Amino acid sequence: MNFQQGQLVQVASNQDSTYQVLSVDDTADLCWVRRWPLSRKGSPAFSVSLQQLKEAETNPGLRL
């Protein structure tokens, strides 16, 4: 699957949470994400393998 910046995704190991794609590095097979929605204190970014991601289920309560 092709992930795009700003897209909402889920990580296979934590499907109860939603994350926002910040950057995709196809050559390294990595994606930088942060928890969505953002917290008041910020949401730190972290990298995850592209194979561990799936598109988030549509939820009208989540707005970009």
Protein backbone atom coordinates (compact mmCIF):
# COMPACT_ATOMS: atom_id res chain seq x y z
CA MET A 1 0.00 0.00 0.00
CA ASN A 2 1.13 3.55 -0.73
CA PHE A 3 0.96 5.83 2.29
CA GLN A 4 0.79 9.61 1.91
CA GLN A 5 1.75 12.44 4.25
CA GLY A 6 -1.21 13.36 6.47
CA GLN A 7 -2.93 9.99 6.06
CA LEU A 8 -4.34 8.30 9.16
CA VAL A 9 -3.06 4.78 9.81
CA GLN A 10 -2.98 2.08 12.45
CA VAL A 11 0.04 0.09 13.62
CA ALA A 12 -0.47 -3.69 13.63
CA SER A 13 0.79 -4.01 17.23
CA ASN A 14 -1.62 -1.31 18.52
CA GLN A 15 -4.85 -1.24 16.54
CA ASP A 16 -6.69 0.68 19.26
CA SER A 17 -4.80 3.87 18.39
CA THR A 18 -4.65 6.02 15.29
CA TYR A 19 -1.52 7.68 13.91
CA GLN A 20 -0.83 10.37 11.32
CA VAL A 21 1.80 9.82 8.62
CA LEU A 22 4.47 12.53 8.70
CA SER A 23 6.97 11.17 6.21
CA VAL A 24 7.55 8.05 4.13
CA ASP A 25 11.00 6.68 3.25
CA ASP A 26 10.40 3.99 0.61
CA THR A 27 14.11 3.20 0.23
CA ALA A 28 14.46 2.40 3.95
CA ASP A 29 10.96 0.88 4.14
CA LEU A 30 10.11 3.22 7.04
CA CYS A 31 7.35 5.64 7.86
CA TRP A 32 7.45 8.41 10.48
CA VAL A 33 4.17 8.75 12.38
CA ARG A 34 2.69 10.47 15.44
CA ARG A 35 -0.36 9.67 17.53
CA TRP A 36 -3.60 11.24 16.31
CA PRO A 37 -5.39 13.29 17.50
CA LEU A 38 -2.53 15.41 18.78
CA SER A 39 -2.25 15.94 22.53
CA ARG A 40 -1.91 19.40 24.04
CA LYS A 41 1.69 18.64 24.95
CA GLY A 42 2.46 17.36 21.48
CA SER A 43 2.74 13.90 20.04
CA PRO A 44 6.30 12.67 19.52
CA ALA A 45 7.14 11.17 16.15
CA PHE A 46 8.59 7.71 15.75
CA SER A 47 9.47 5.44 12.85
CA VAL A 48 7.76 2.19 12.02
CA SER A 49 8.18 -0.34 9.22
CA LEU A 50 5.75 0.11 6.32
CA GLN A 51 4.73 -3.57 6.69
CA GLN A 52 3.38 -2.82 10.19
CA LEU A 53 0.94 -0.15 8.95
CA LYS A 54 -2.59 -0.34 7.65
CA GLU A 55 -5.02 2.36 6.65
CA ALA A 56 -7.13 3.54 9.59
CA GLU A 57 -10.80 2.73 9.52
CA THR A 58 -12.91 5.71 8.56
CA ASN A 59 -14.09 7.62 11.60
CA PRO A 60 -16.03 10.84 11.01
CA GLY A 61 -14.96 12.10 14.47
CA LEU A 62 -11.32 12.29 13.36
CA ARG A 63 -10.59 15.37 11.32
CA LEU A 64 -7.26 16.47 9.84
